[in-house]
Amino acid sequence: MYFLFSAILGGNLTLITVVISINQLVLSRELGAPGDLHQQIRDAMAYRREVESSSGEFPSPVSPAEFLQFLHEAIHADAAELQKSVSESNNERLLTRVDTLVSDLSDDVEDVTRSLDTTRGEMFTAIEATLGTNHAEQLYELDAINAECDGLSERHHEILGRLEDQLLHIDTARKYFRTVYMEKELSYLSRVILYVGVPTEVLTALVLTIYGSIGTISQPPVWVLPLTIVAVTVGFAPLAVLFSFVLRLSWVAQQNTSVAPFSTGDETPPF
């Protein structure tokens, strides 16, 4: 038991140090000169203005869940307008392509809006609603309609261009929200590791001292066994905390690996 607690003490000390060092390295991306920070804010504002210009509605929401809902509602409206505008066409290839595209977009919008909970306003709500979504096929259909279908008017090309822009806006938004979420979770992980790890180290050191002092006693006190069980359980607490955070963050990252307009086809977890 003495060697076990020695290993727990040293292992947790290394674990705490490494985790906090890595997290601080990741979070150092938030540090920068005033010019760099100003440019980041400018880029974010330019992105919002571009989204508002593409959808034709001002202003766009600031909550992540409401912002994603705003984007999907704009896609739904443009998809319906596209289907209505080609309904009287005699081009069967165009009608088939548009029906397939509108059906895919409508299903995706329905799934996302059903999963979104705009009342909670949490970052993970927006991420959870778009986990595993990939618009590569819809972007391919848009390109195919533009390239292969004849008889498209300027109005049709405009709607198709707006749909492409909005799909790219959604992919940008969900990846940005994922980045912010992971940075917040890593910050929280550092705090939890310290809250759990420091008391664990103190308790483990205390148990080591007790074992050293009673090592020569033939009959140890009755409270040594319960203390040992508690200390061993607590000793693995930092590892359990790290496991829970890494499992969740790696799962979120796995579900958002591909970048439009490409599809990796391996985003579904094996469990």
C-alpha atoms as a PDB file:
ATOM      1  CA  MET A   1       0.000   0.000   0.000  1.00  0.00           C
ATOM      2  CA  TYR A   2       2.899   2.329   0.695  1.00  0.00           C
ATOM      3  CA  PHE A   3       4.216   1.903  -2.854  1.00  0.00           C
ATOM      4  CA  LEU A   4       0.673   2.255  -4.274  1.00  0.00           C
ATOM      5  CA  PHE A   5       0.099   5.600  -2.557  1.00  0.00           C
ATOM      6  CA  SER A   6       3.566   6.744  -3.584  1.00  0.00           C
ATOM      7  CA  ALA A   7       2.660   6.033  -7.207  1.00  0.00           C
ATOM      8  CA  ILE A   8      -0.692   7.824  -6.834  1.00  0.00           C
ATOM      9  CA  LEU A   9       1.011  10.849  -5.298  1.00  0.00           C
ATOM     10  CA  GLY A  10       3.616  11.123  -8.053  1.00  0.00           C
ATOM     11  CA  GLY A  11       1.197  10.275 -10.859  1.00  0.00           C
ATOM     12  CA  ASN A  12      -1.385  12.876  -9.832  1.00  0.00           C
ATOM     13  CA  LEU A  13       1.301  15.521  -9.439  1.00  0.00           C
ATOM     14  CA  THR A  14       2.472  14.849 -12.993  1.00  0.00           C
ATOM     15  CA  LEU A  15      -1.116  14.706 -14.290  1.00  0.00           C
ATOM     16  CA  ILE A  16      -2.065  18.045 -12.729  1.00  0.00           C
ATOM     17  CA  THR A  17       1.078  19.760 -13.989  1.00  0.00           C
ATOM     18  CA  VAL A  18       0.816  18.447 -17.551  1.00  0.00           C
ATOM     19  CA  VAL A  19      -2.921  19.147 -17.923  1.00  0.00           C
ATOM     20  CA  ILE A  20      -2.653  22.716 -16.647  1.00  0.00           C
ATOM     21  CA  SER A  21       0.410  23.375 -18.835  1.00  0.00           C
ATOM     22  CA  ILE A  22      -1.318  22.106 -21.981  1.00  0.00           C
ATOM     23  CA  ASN A  23      -4.493  24.024 -21.200  1.00  0.00           C
ATOM     24  CA  GLN A  24      -2.599  27.237 -20.609  1.00  0.00           C
ATOM     25  CA  LEU A  25      -0.816  26.740 -23.934  1.00  0.00           C
ATOM     26  CA  VAL A  26      -4.152  26.320 -25.723  1.00  0.00           C
ATOM     27  CA  LEU A  27      -5.757  29.246 -23.925  1.00  0.00           C
ATOM     28  CA  SER A  28      -2.789  31.488 -24.717  1.00  0.00           C
ATOM     29  CA  ARG A  29      -4.363  31.873 -28.161  1.00  0.00           C
ATOM     30  CA  GLU A  30      -6.765  34.326 -26.522  1.00  0.00           C
ATOM     31  CA  LEU A  31      -3.872  36.650 -25.670  1.00  0.00           C
ATOM     32  CA  GLY A  32      -2.758  39.245 -28.194  1.00  0.00           C
ATOM     33  CA  ALA A  33      -1.879  42.815 -28.960  1.00  0.00           C
ATOM     34  CA  PRO A  34      -4.674  45.397 -29.245  1.00  0.00           C
ATOM     35  CA  GLY A  35      -4.307  45.457 -33.033  1.00  0.00           C
ATOM     36  CA  ASP A  36      -4.721  41.689 -33.328  1.00  0.00           C
ATOM     37  CA  LEU A  37      -7.715  41.650 -30.996  1.00  0.00           C
ATOM     38  CA  HIS A  38      -9.296  44.550 -32.868  1.00  0.00           C
ATOM     39  CA  GLN A  39      -8.876  42.708 -36.169  1.00  0.00           C
ATOM     40  CA  GLN A  40     -10.505  39.574 -34.737  1.00  0.00           C
ATOM     41  CA  ILE A  41     -13.495  41.623 -33.631  1.00  0.00           C
ATOM     42  CA  ARG A  42     -13.643  43.281 -37.043  1.00  0.00           C
ATOM     43  CA  ASP A  43     -13.611  39.873 -38.745  1.00  0.00           C
ATOM     44  CA  ALA A  44     -16.437  38.640 -36.505  1.00  0.00           C
ATOM     45  CA  MET A  45     -18.508  41.744 -37.271  1.00  0.00           C
ATOM     46  CA  ALA A  46     -17.821  41.367 -41.001  1.00  0.00           C
ATOM     47  CA  TYR A  47     -19.039  37.772 -40.812  1.00  0.00           C
ATOM     48  CA  ARG A  48     -22.294  38.872 -39.126  1.00  0.00           C
ATOM     49  CA  ARG A  49     -22.840  41.575 -41.730  1.00  0.00           C
ATOM     50  CA  GLU A  50     -22.271  39.048 -44.499  1.00  0.00           C
ATOM     51  CA  VAL A  51     -24.818  36.684 -42.942  1.00  0.00           C
ATOM     52  CA  GLU A  52     -27.364  39.477 -42.614  1.00  0.00           C
ATOM     53  CA  SER A  53     -26.776  40.616 -46.194  1.00  0.00           C
ATOM     54  CA  SER A  54     -27.202  37.068 -47.510  1.00  0.00           C
ATOM     55  CA  SER A  55     -30.428  36.452 -45.582  1.00  0.00           C
ATOM     56  CA  GLY A  56     -31.830  39.954 -46.117  1.00  0.00           C
ATOM     57  CA  GLU A  57     -32.793  40.353 -42.450  1.00  0.00           C
ATOM     58  CA  PHE A  58     -31.283  42.704 -39.879  1.00  0.00           C
ATOM     59  CA  PRO A  59     -30.064  42.335 -37.208  1.00  0.00           C
ATOM     60  CA  SER A  60     -28.987  38.735 -36.688  1.00  0.00           C
ATOM     61  CA  PRO A  61     -29.322  37.158 -33.203  1.00  0.00           C
ATOM     62  CA  VAL A  62     -26.363  37.073 -30.851  1.00  0.00           C
ATOM     63  CA  SER A  63     -27.218  33.815 -29.051  1.00  0.00           C
ATOM     64  CA  PRO A  64     -25.529  30.784 -30.698  1.00  0.00           C
ATOM     65  CA  ALA A  65     -28.725  28.707 -30.786  1.00  0.00           C
ATOM     66  CA  GLU A  66     -30.829  31.582 -32.108  1.00  0.00           C
ATOM     67  CA  PHE A  67     -28.147  32.455 -34.656  1.00  0.00           C
ATOM     68  CA  LEU A  68     -28.127  28.904 -36.042  1.00  0.00           C
ATOM     69  CA  GLN A  69     -31.920  28.880 -36.129  1.00  0.00           C
ATOM     70  CA  PHE A  70     -31.803  32.206 -37.990  1.00  0.00           C
ATOM     71  CA  LEU A  71     -29.489  30.688 -40.631  1.00  0.00           C
ATOM     72  CA  HIS A  72     -31.591  27.558 -41.081  1.00  0.00           C
ATOM     73  CA  GLU A  73     -34.808  29.546 -41.409  1.00  0.00           C
ATOM     74  CA  ALA A  74     -33.179  31.610 -44.157  1.00  0.00           C
ATOM     75  CA  ILE A  75     -32.164  28.413 -45.977  1.00  0.00           C
ATOM     76  CA  HIS A  76     -35.697  27.029 -45.661  1.00  0.00           C
ATOM     77  CA  ALA A  77     -37.191  30.214 -47.143  1.00  0.00           C
ATOM     78  CA  ASP A  78     -34.765  30.300 -50.082  1.00  0.00           C
ATOM     79  CA  ALA A  79     -35.214  26.593 -50.782  1.00  0.00           C
ATOM     80  CA  ALA A  80     -38.985  27.042 -50.913  1.00  0.00           C
ATOM     81  CA  GLU A  81     -38.576  30.037 -53.217  1.00  0.00           C
ATOM     82  CA  LEU A  82     -36.281  28.039 -55.522  1.00  0.00           C
ATOM     83  CA  GLN A  83     -38.724  25.151 -55.743  1.00  0.00           C
ATOM     84  CA  LYS A  84     -41.611  27.507 -56.501  1.00  0.00           C
ATOM     85  CA  SER A  85     -39.663  29.371 -59.187  1.00  0.00           C
ATOM     86  CA  VAL A  86     -38.834  26.188 -61.142  1.00  0.00           C
ATOM     87  CA  SER A  87     -42.214  24.485 -60.671  1.00  0.00           C
ATOM     88  CA  GLU A  88     -43.444  25.578 -64.114  1.00  0.00           C
ATOM     89  CA  SER A  89     -40.281  24.527 -65.942  1.00  0.00           C
ATOM     90  CA  ASN A  90     -40.396  21.765 -68.574  1.00  0.00           C
ATOM     91  CA  ASN A  91     -36.862  20.635 -67.771  1.00  0.00           C
ATOM     92  CA  GLU A  92     -37.328  17.316 -65.971  1.00  0.00           C
ATOM     93  CA  ARG A  93     -33.661  17.128 -65.012  1.00  0.00           C
ATOM     94  CA  LEU A  94     -33.884  20.540 -63.364  1.00  0.00           C
ATOM     95  CA  LEU A  95     -37.077  19.633 -61.506  1.00  0.00           C
ATOM     96  CA  THR A  96     -35.573  16.374 -60.215  1.00  0.00           C
ATOM     97  CA  ARG A  97     -32.378  18.055 -59.080  1.00  0.00           C
ATOM     98  CA  VAL A  98     -34.214  20.869 -57.310  1.00  0.00           C
ATOM     99  CA  ASP A  99     -36.676  18.497 -55.612  1.00  0.00           C
ATOM    100  CA  THR A 100     -33.796  16.382 -54.298  1.00  0.00           C
ATOM    101  CA  LEU A 101     -31.932  19.446 -53.065  1.00  0.00           C
ATOM    102  CA  VAL A 102     -34.978  21.007 -51.394  1.00  0.00           C
ATOM    103  CA  SER A 103     -35.885  17.704 -49.743  1.00  0.00           C
ATOM    104  CA  ASP A 104     -32.380  17.310 -48.290  1.00  0.00           C
ATOM    105  CA  LEU A 105     -32.290  20.897 -47.076  1.00  0.00           C
ATOM    106  CA  SER A 106     -35.764  20.668 -45.530  1.00  0.00           C
ATOM    107  CA  ASP A 107     -34.881  17.467 -43.663  1.00  0.00           C
ATOM    108  CA  ASP A 108     -31.691  19.039 -42.333  1.00  0.00           C
ATOM    109  CA  VAL A 109     -33.483  22.233 -41.266  1.00  0.00           C
ATOM    110  CA  GLU A 110     -36.207  20.221 -39.554  1.00  0.00           C
ATOM    111  CA  ASP A 111     -33.703  18.085 -37.629  1.00  0.00           C
ATOM    112  CA  VAL A 112     -31.659  21.055 -36.463  1.00  0.00           C
ATOM    113  CA  THR A 113     -34.584  23.279 -35.468  1.00  0.00           C
ATOM    114  CA  ARG A 114     -36.164  20.387 -33.575  1.00  0.00           C
ATOM    115  CA  SER A 115     -32.948  19.822 -31.637  1.00  0.00           C
ATOM    116  CA  LEU A 116     -32.292  23.486 -30.902  1.00  0.00           C
ATOM    117  CA  ASP A 117     -33.415  24.828 -27.550  1.00  0.00           C
ATOM    118  CA  THR A 118     -33.149  28.604 -27.865  1.00  0.00           C
ATOM    119  CA  THR A 119     -34.510  29.154 -24.342  1.00  0.00           C
ATOM    120  CA  ARG A 120     -31.430  27.661 -22.665  1.00  0.00           C
ATOM    121  CA  GLY A 121     -28.942  29.812 -24.520  1.00  0.00           C
ATOM    122  CA  GLU A 122     -26.031  27.442 -23.867  1.00  0.00           C
ATOM    123  CA  MET A 123     -23.116  27.024 -26.259  1.00  0.00           C
ATOM    124  CA  PHE A 124     -23.411  23.242 -26.226  1.00  0.00           C
ATOM    125  CA  THR A 125     -27.067  23.518 -27.329  1.00  0.00           C
ATOM    126  CA  ALA A 126     -25.963  24.938 -30.671  1.00  0.00           C
ATOM    127  CA  ILE A 127     -23.156  22.399 -31.021  1.00  0.00           C
ATOM    128  CA  GLU A 128     -25.343  19.431 -30.129  1.00  0.00           C
ATOM    129  CA  ALA A 129     -27.980  20.358 -32.715  1.00  0.00           C
ATOM    130  CA  THR A 130     -25.440  20.307 -35.552  1.00  0.00           C
ATOM    131  CA  LEU A 131     -23.283  17.348 -34.480  1.00  0.00           C
ATOM    132  CA  GLY A 132     -22.519  15.177 -37.477  1.00  0.00           C
ATOM    133  CA  THR A 133     -24.186  17.499 -40.006  1.00  0.00           C
ATOM    134  CA  ASN A 134     -22.337  17.935 -43.272  1.00  0.00           C
ATOM    135  CA  HIS A 135     -23.535  20.012 -46.219  1.00  0.00           C
ATOM    136  CA  ALA A 136     -21.087  18.595 -48.767  1.00  0.00           C
ATOM    137  CA  GLU A 137     -23.850  16.803 -50.689  1.00  0.00           C
ATOM    138  CA  GLN A 138     -26.068  19.903 -50.794  1.00  0.00           C
ATOM    139  CA  LEU A 139     -23.165  22.023 -52.027  1.00  0.00           C
ATOM    140  CA  TYR A 140     -22.479  19.429 -54.712  1.00  0.00           C
ATOM    141  CA  GLU A 141     -26.128  19.514 -55.805  1.00  0.00           C
ATOM    142  CA  LEU A 142     -25.993  23.311 -56.038  1.00  0.00           C
ATOM    143  CA  ASP A 143     -22.947  23.118 -58.295  1.00  0.00           C
ATOM    144  CA  ALA A 144     -24.559  20.371 -60.370  1.00  0.00           C
ATOM    145  CA  ILE A 145     -27.730  22.411 -60.911  1.00  0.00           C
ATOM    146  CA  ASN A 146     -25.689  25.436 -61.994  1.00  0.00           C
ATOM    147  CA  ALA A 147     -23.490  23.402 -64.343  1.00  0.00           C
ATOM    148  CA  GLU A 148     -25.798  20.749 -65.798  1.00  0.00           C
ATOM    149  CA  CYS A 149     -29.264  22.297 -65.960  1.00  0.00           C
ATOM    150  CA  ASP A 150     -30.238  24.601 -68.800  1.00  0.00           C
ATOM    151  CA  GLY A 151     -32.859  27.304 -68.709  1.00  0.00           C
ATOM    152  CA  LEU A 152     -31.852  28.874 -65.414  1.00  0.00           C
ATOM    153  CA  SER A 153     -32.664  32.547 -65.119  1.00  0.00           C
ATOM    154  CA  GLU A 154     -30.656  35.212 -63.334  1.00  0.00           C
ATOM    155  CA  ARG A 155     -33.094  34.904 -60.443  1.00  0.00           C
ATOM    156  CA  HIS A 156     -32.392  31.160 -60.154  1.00  0.00           C
ATOM    157  CA  HIS A 157     -28.635  31.739 -60.077  1.00  0.00           C
ATOM    158  CA  GLU A 158     -29.123  34.367 -57.378  1.00  0.00           C
ATOM    159  CA  ILE A 159     -31.109  32.011 -55.148  1.00  0.00           C
ATOM    160  CA  LEU A 160     -28.608  29.202 -55.692  1.00  0.00           C
ATOM    161  CA  GLY A 161     -25.777  31.556 -54.778  1.00  0.00           C
ATOM    162  CA  ARG A 162     -27.557  32.608 -51.581  1.00  0.00           C
ATOM    163  CA  LEU A 163     -28.143  28.983 -50.608  1.00  0.00           C
ATOM    164  CA  GLU A 164     -24.455  28.197 -51.098  1.00  0.00           C
ATOM    165  CA  ASP A 165     -23.431  31.211 -49.016  1.00  0.00           C
ATOM    166  CA  GLN A 166     -25.809  30.269 -46.203  1.00  0.00           C
ATOM    167  CA  LEU A 167     -24.583  26.668 -46.096  1.00  0.00           C
ATOM    168  CA  LEU A 168     -21.018  27.939 -45.775  1.00  0.00           C
ATOM    169  CA  HIS A 169     -22.151  30.379 -43.077  1.00  0.00           C
ATOM    170  CA  ILE A 170     -23.648  27.487 -41.090  1.00  0.00           C
ATOM    171  CA  ASP A 171     -20.446  25.462 -41.354  1.00  0.00           C
ATOM    172  CA  THR A 172     -18.396  28.470 -40.256  1.00  0.00           C
ATOM    173  CA  ALA A 173     -20.716  29.199 -37.328  1.00  0.00           C
ATOM    174  CA  ARG A 174     -20.814  25.663 -35.971  1.00  0.00           C
ATOM    175  CA  LYS A 175     -17.028  25.327 -36.117  1.00  0.00           C
ATOM    176  CA  TYR A 176     -16.551  28.694 -34.430  1.00  0.00           C
ATOM    177  CA  PHE A 177     -18.996  27.724 -31.670  1.00  0.00           C
ATOM    178  CA  ARG A 178     -17.155  24.416 -31.277  1.00  0.00           C
ATOM    179  CA  THR A 179     -13.848  26.281 -30.876  1.00  0.00           C
ATOM    180  CA  VAL A 180     -15.277  28.621 -28.237  1.00  0.00           C
ATOM    181  CA  TYR A 181     -16.912  25.700 -26.413  1.00  0.00           C
ATOM    182  CA  MET A 182     -13.660  23.737 -26.263  1.00  0.00           C
ATOM    183  CA  GLU A 183     -11.744  26.739 -24.967  1.00  0.00           C
ATOM    184  CA  LYS A 184     -14.331  27.242 -22.227  1.00  0.00           C
ATOM    185  CA  GLU A 185     -14.266  23.558 -21.315  1.00  0.00           C
ATOM    186  CA  LEU A 186     -10.463  23.506 -21.148  1.00  0.00           C
ATOM    187  CA  SER A 187     -10.543  26.519 -18.839  1.00  0.00           C
ATOM    188  CA  TYR A 188     -13.074  24.753 -16.645  1.00  0.00           C
ATOM    189  CA  LEU A 189     -10.995  21.562 -16.737  1.00  0.00           C
ATOM    190  CA  SER A 190      -7.997  23.409 -15.298  1.00  0.00           C
ATOM    191  CA  ARG A 191     -10.083  24.669 -12.391  1.00  0.00           C
ATOM    192  CA  VAL A 192     -11.687  21.287 -11.682  1.00  0.00           C
ATOM    193  CA  ILE A 193      -8.331  19.508 -11.841  1.00  0.00           C
ATOM    194  CA  LEU A 194      -6.982  21.931  -9.230  1.00  0.00           C
ATOM    195  CA  TYR A 195     -10.097  21.664  -7.046  1.00  0.00           C
ATOM    196  CA  VAL A 196      -9.916  17.857  -7.085  1.00  0.00           C
ATOM    197  CA  GLY A 197      -6.179  17.306  -7.455  1.00  0.00           C
ATOM    198  CA  VAL A 198      -4.834  19.431  -4.620  1.00  0.00           C
ATOM    199  CA  PRO A 199      -7.026  17.836  -1.882  1.00  0.00           C
ATOM    200  CA  THR A 200      -6.190  14.440  -3.377  1.00  0.00           C
ATOM    201  CA  GLU A 201      -2.482  15.133  -3.108  1.00  0.00           C
ATOM    202  CA  VAL A 202      -2.889  16.311   0.507  1.00  0.00           C
ATOM    203  CA  LEU A 203      -4.897  13.223   1.463  1.00  0.00           C
ATOM    204  CA  THR A 204      -2.437  10.881  -0.275  1.00  0.00           C
ATOM    205  CA  ALA A 205       0.514  12.511   1.481  1.00  0.00           C
ATOM    206  CA  LEU A 206      -1.321  12.219   4.799  1.00  0.00           C
ATOM    207  CA  VAL A 207      -1.990   8.516   4.242  1.00  0.00           C
ATOM    208  CA  LEU A 208       1.663   7.969   3.324  1.00  0.00           C
ATOM    209  CA  THR A 209       2.688   9.612   6.583  1.00  0.00           C
ATOM    210  CA  ILE A 210       0.264   7.430   8.555  1.00  0.00           C
ATOM    211  CA  TYR A 211       1.520   4.262   6.861  1.00  0.00           C
ATOM    212  CA  GLY A 212       5.077   5.264   7.617  1.00  0.00           C
ATOM    213  CA  SER A 213       4.303   5.825  11.284  1.00  0.00           C
ATOM    214  CA  ILE A 214       2.435   2.529  11.836  1.00  0.00           C
ATOM    215  CA  GLY A 215       4.697   0.363   9.731  1.00  0.00           C
ATOM    216  CA  THR A 216       6.227  -1.314  12.780  1.00  0.00           C
ATOM    217  CA  ILE A 217       2.969  -1.926  14.639  1.00  0.00           C
ATOM    218  CA  SER A 218       1.872  -5.573  14.606  1.00  0.00           C
ATOM    219  CA  GLN A 219      -1.836  -4.708  14.895  1.00  0.00           C
ATOM    220  CA  PRO A 220      -2.764  -1.451  13.070  1.00  0.00           C
ATOM    221  CA  PRO A 221      -5.816   0.560  14.250  1.00  0.00           C
ATOM    222  CA  VAL A 222      -9.253  -0.421  12.909  1.00  0.00           C
ATOM    223  CA  TRP A 223      -9.687   2.905  11.113  1.00  0.00           C
ATOM    224  CA  VAL A 224      -6.726   2.280   8.811  1.00  0.00           C
ATOM    225  CA  LEU A 225      -8.699   0.045   6.415  1.00  0.00           C
ATOM    226  CA  PRO A 226     -11.612   2.500   5.842  1.00  0.00           C
ATOM    227  CA  LEU A 227      -9.097   5.338   5.433  1.00  0.00           C
ATOM    228  CA  THR A 228      -7.171   3.306   2.879  1.00  0.00           C
ATOM    229  CA  ILE A 229     -10.300   2.530   0.833  1.00  0.00           C
ATOM    230  CA  VAL A 230     -11.332   6.192   0.804  1.00  0.00           C
ATOM    231  CA  ALA A 231      -7.823   7.346  -0.057  1.00  0.00           C
ATOM    232  CA  VAL A 232      -7.475   4.918  -2.965  1.00  0.00           C
ATOM    233  CA  THR A 233     -10.872   5.981  -4.340  1.00  0.00           C
ATOM    234  CA  VAL A 234     -10.047   9.667  -4.029  1.00  0.00           C
ATOM    235  CA  GLY A 235      -6.607   9.050  -5.521  1.00  0.00           C
ATOM    236  CA  PHE A 236      -8.156   8.164  -8.884  1.00  0.00           C
ATOM    237  CA  ALA A 237     -10.527  11.175  -8.885  1.00  0.00           C
ATOM    238  CA  PRO A 238      -8.274  13.461 -10.986  1.00  0.00           C
ATOM    239  CA  LEU A 239      -7.928  10.735 -13.611  1.00  0.00           C
ATOM    240  CA  ALA A 240     -11.714  10.275 -13.669  1.00  0.00           C
ATOM    241  CA  VAL A 241     -12.228  14.029 -14.150  1.00  0.00           C
ATOM    242  CA  LEU A 242      -9.701  14.114 -16.983  1.00  0.00           C
ATOM    243  CA  PHE A 243     -11.308  11.067 -18.603  1.00  0.00           C
ATOM    244  CA  SER A 244     -14.789  12.619 -18.570  1.00  0.00           C
ATOM    245  CA  PHE A 245     -13.601  15.908 -20.120  1.00  0.00           C
ATOM    246  CA  VAL A 246     -11.391  14.327 -22.776  1.00  0.00           C
ATOM    247  CA  LEU A 247     -14.082  11.829 -23.769  1.00  0.00           C
ATOM    248  CA  ARG A 248     -16.658  14.599 -24.304  1.00  0.00           C
ATOM    249  CA  LEU A 249     -14.323  16.992 -26.118  1.00  0.00           C
ATOM    250  CA  SER A 250     -12.875  14.318 -28.386  1.00  0.00           C
ATOM    251  CA  TRP A 251     -16.402  13.145 -29.258  1.00  0.00           C
ATOM    252  CA  VAL A 252     -17.425  16.701 -30.184  1.00  0.00           C
ATOM    253  CA  ALA A 253     -14.270  17.097 -32.285  1.00  0.00           C
ATOM    254  CA  GLN A 254     -14.881  13.791 -34.048  1.00  0.00           C
ATOM    255  CA  GLN A 255     -18.361  14.862 -35.047  1.00  0.00           C
ATOM    256  CA  ASN A 256     -17.039  18.093 -36.637  1.00  0.00           C
ATOM    257  CA  THR A 257     -13.952  16.900 -38.471  1.00  0.00           C
ATOM    258  CA  SER A 258     -14.948  17.575 -42.074  1.00  0.00           C
ATOM    259  CA  VAL A 259     -14.996  21.035 -43.602  1.00  0.00           C
ATOM    260  CA  ALA A 260     -17.433  21.968 -46.349  1.00  0.00           C
ATOM    261  CA  PRO A 261     -17.474  21.235 -49.241  1.00  0.00           C
ATOM    262  CA  PHE A 262     -15.668  17.982 -48.420  1.00  0.00           C
ATOM    263  CA  SER A 263     -16.951  14.929 -46.576  1.00  0.00           C
ATOM    264  CA  THR A 264     -14.708  12.469 -44.770  1.00  0.00           C
ATOM    265  CA  GLY A 265     -17.492   9.934 -44.288  1.00  0.00           C
ATOM    266  CA  ASP A 266     -16.109   8.741 -40.914  1.00  0.00           C
ATOM    267  CA  GLU A 267     -17.700  11.150 -38.435  1.00  0.00           C
ATOM    268  CA  THR A 268     -20.061   8.598 -36.919  1.00  0.00           C
ATOM    269  CA  PRO A 269     -18.618   7.243 -33.651  1.00  0.00           C
ATOM    270  CA  PRO A 270     -18.132   3.473 -33.325  1.00  0.00           C
ATOM    271  CA  PHE A 271     -20.341   3.324 -30.206  1.00  0.00           C
END
